[in-house]
Protein backbone atom coordinates (compact mmCIF):
# COMPACT_ATOMS: atom_id res chain seq x y z
CA MET A 1 0.08 0.06 -0.05
CA ASN A 2 1.37 3.38 -0.91
CA ILE A 3 1.64 6.45 1.47
CA ASN A 4 -1.47 8.05 0.12
CA ASP A 5 -3.72 4.86 0.35
CA ILE A 6 -2.73 4.50 4.08
CA GLN A 7 -3.49 8.33 4.74
CA ASP A 8 -6.98 7.69 2.85
CA GLU A 9 -7.57 4.82 5.05
CA ILE A 10 -6.87 6.64 8.20
CA ILE A 11 -9.12 9.72 7.07
CA GLY A 12 -11.95 6.92 6.65
CA GLU A 13 -11.34 5.61 10.13
CA PHE A 14 -11.61 9.10 11.58
CA GLU A 15 -14.59 10.29 9.47
CA GLU A 16 -16.74 7.39 11.09
CA LEU A 17 -16.46 9.03 14.28
CA ASP A 18 -18.31 12.34 14.88
CA ASP A 19 -17.33 13.24 18.09
CA TRP A 20 -13.57 14.39 19.10
CA MET A 21 -13.77 12.70 22.31
CA ASP A 22 -14.12 9.32 20.25
CA ARG A 23 -11.23 10.27 18.10
CA TYR A 24 -9.09 11.17 21.19
CA GLN A 25 -10.02 7.40 22.09
CA LEU A 26 -9.03 6.02 18.91
CA LEU A 27 -5.74 7.97 19.13
CA ILE A 28 -5.14 6.35 22.79
CA ASP A 29 -6.09 2.92 21.39
CA LEU A 30 -3.81 3.41 18.29
CA GLY A 31 -1.17 4.21 20.83
CA ASN A 32 -1.66 1.25 23.18
CA ASP A 33 -1.47 -1.09 20.28
CA LEU A 34 1.98 0.43 19.44
CA GLU A 35 4.72 -2.27 20.16
CA PRO A 36 6.73 -1.19 23.29
CA LEU A 37 10.14 0.27 22.40
CA ASP A 38 13.00 -1.70 23.32
CA GLU A 39 14.70 0.30 26.40
CA ARG A 40 17.91 0.40 24.31
CA TYR A 41 16.45 2.74 21.92
CA LYS A 42 15.31 5.36 24.56
CA THR A 43 18.33 7.32 24.27
CA GLU A 44 18.91 11.10 24.22
CA GLN A 45 19.72 10.45 20.37
CA ASN A 46 16.32 9.15 19.83
CA LEU A 47 14.34 11.48 21.83
CA ILE A 48 12.46 14.03 19.65
CA ASP A 49 13.39 17.76 20.62
CA GLY A 50 10.44 20.24 20.66
CA CYS A 51 7.85 17.87 22.31
CA GLN A 52 6.46 18.53 25.53
CA SER A 53 6.22 14.78 26.27
CA ARG A 54 8.97 12.56 25.93
CA VAL A 55 8.78 10.72 22.44
CA TRP A 56 11.55 8.44 21.21
CA VAL A 57 12.05 7.49 17.58
CA GLN A 58 14.28 4.61 16.14
CA CYS A 59 14.83 4.30 12.65
CA ASP A 60 16.42 1.31 10.89
CA TYR A 61 17.17 1.00 7.38
CA SER A 62 16.83 -2.46 5.45
CA GLU A 63 16.94 -3.11 1.64
CA GLY A 64 16.05 0.35 0.69
CA ARG A 65 13.32 1.07 3.04
CA LEU A 66 13.08 2.71 6.57
CA HIS A 67 11.35 1.12 9.47
CA PHE A 68 10.23 2.86 12.56
CA GLN A 69 9.86 2.14 16.16
CA ALA A 70 8.44 4.72 18.82
CA GLU A 71 7.06 5.27 22.11
CA SER A 72 6.00 8.20 24.09
CA ASP A 73 5.13 8.78 27.93
CA ALA A 74 1.90 10.53 26.96
CA LEU A 75 -1.13 8.63 25.54
CA ILE A 76 -2.48 10.87 22.89
CA VAL A 77 1.19 11.45 21.77
CA LYS A 78 1.79 8.03 21.45
CA GLY A 79 -1.35 7.71 19.26
CA ILE A 80 0.04 10.56 16.93
CA ILE A 81 3.51 8.78 16.57
CA ALA A 82 1.60 5.38 15.76
CA LEU A 83 -0.38 7.27 12.87
CA LEU A 84 2.89 8.63 11.64
CA ILE A 85 4.51 5.26 11.87
CA ARG A 86 1.42 3.65 10.05
CA VAL A 87 1.79 6.13 7.34
CA LEU A 88 5.53 6.40 6.82
CA ASP A 89 7.11 2.90 7.95
CA ASN A 90 8.19 0.36 5.37
CA HIS A 91 8.79 3.18 2.63
CA THR A 92 11.76 4.37 0.83
CA PRO A 93 13.48 7.67 2.05
CA GLN A 94 12.37 9.31 -1.34
CA GLU A 95 8.88 8.32 -0.98
CA ILE A 96 8.85 9.71 2.66
CA LEU A 97 10.39 12.90 1.46
CA ALA A 98 8.12 13.56 -1.25
CA ALA A 99 4.85 12.59 1.03
CA ASP A 100 2.36 15.26 1.31
CA LEU A 101 0.99 14.21 4.72
CA TYR A 102 -2.48 15.40 4.11
CA PHE A 103 -4.18 13.34 6.53
CA ILE A 104 -3.21 15.54 9.72
CA GLU A 105 -5.30 18.25 8.17
CA ARG A 106 -8.01 16.16 6.96
CA ILE A 107 -8.92 14.27 10.04
CA GLY A 108 -8.72 17.67 11.92
CA LEU A 109 -5.99 16.74 13.92
CA ARG A 110 -3.84 19.94 13.96
CA GLU A 111 -6.87 22.11 15.07
CA HIS A 112 -7.97 19.58 18.11
CA LEU A 113 -4.25 19.62 19.47
CA SER A 114 -3.14 22.12 21.93
CA PRO A 115 -0.32 24.33 20.72
CA THR A 116 2.53 22.30 22.48
CA ARG A 117 1.08 19.03 20.92
CA SER A 118 0.83 20.57 17.63
CA ASN A 119 4.60 21.73 17.92
CA GLY A 120 5.45 18.28 19.10
CA LEU A 121 3.55 16.79 15.87
CA LEU A 122 5.65 19.06 13.74
CA ALA A 123 8.82 17.78 15.51
CA MET A 124 7.86 14.37 14.92
CA VAL A 125 7.55 14.71 11.34
CA LYS A 126 10.77 16.80 11.22
CA GLN A 127 12.67 13.89 12.63
CA ILE A 128 11.29 11.24 10.40
CA ARG A 129 12.01 13.46 7.47
CA ALA A 130 15.53 13.93 8.77
CA TYR A 131 15.92 10.01 9.19
CA ALA A 132 14.73 9.94 5.47
CA VAL A 133 17.45 12.56 4.13
CA ALA A 134 20.13 10.82 6.05
CA TYR A 135 19.35 7.30 4.51
CA SER A 136 18.39 8.75 0.91
CA GLY A 137 22.27 8.54 0.17
CA LYS A 138 22.38 4.88 0.67
CA MET A 139 20.27 4.24 -2.22
C-alpha cells in the first residue's frame, strides 16, 4: 500500500467518528497498540526535541526502506506517533520525503491539538524526514 492509500484509510477511520472525544479515544487505542520500544532505544539521540512529552523514535534501514519504532510517555502523543509510523513505515526515503501528509489536516488533528502538542507533531514529522534525508544517500 502506498503512503496516500494509507492516509486515505486513516481519514476514513476518523470520518466514521463524529465526536472528538471518540477520535481522541481512537488515538489512545492506536498508541496502546504500538509495540513497546526496547529500552536500549530510549536514548537522548532518539528523543524528539520540541515535544513537551517524551517521544523516542528509532529508525532502521533495510533493503532500501525505513522502519520506525517509537514510544511516548503521553497517551495521545503515543497515538499520534503511531499514526505517523503507520503512514511512513516500510517506505523508501524518497517516498517519505515526497509525501504530502494531508491526513493530519483532513482528520482535523492539528486544529484539535494544543499548541504544544501541535509543535510536537511538527517535531516528530521533522525528525522522521531527517532520517529519510540521512538514509537517502544509501540508495
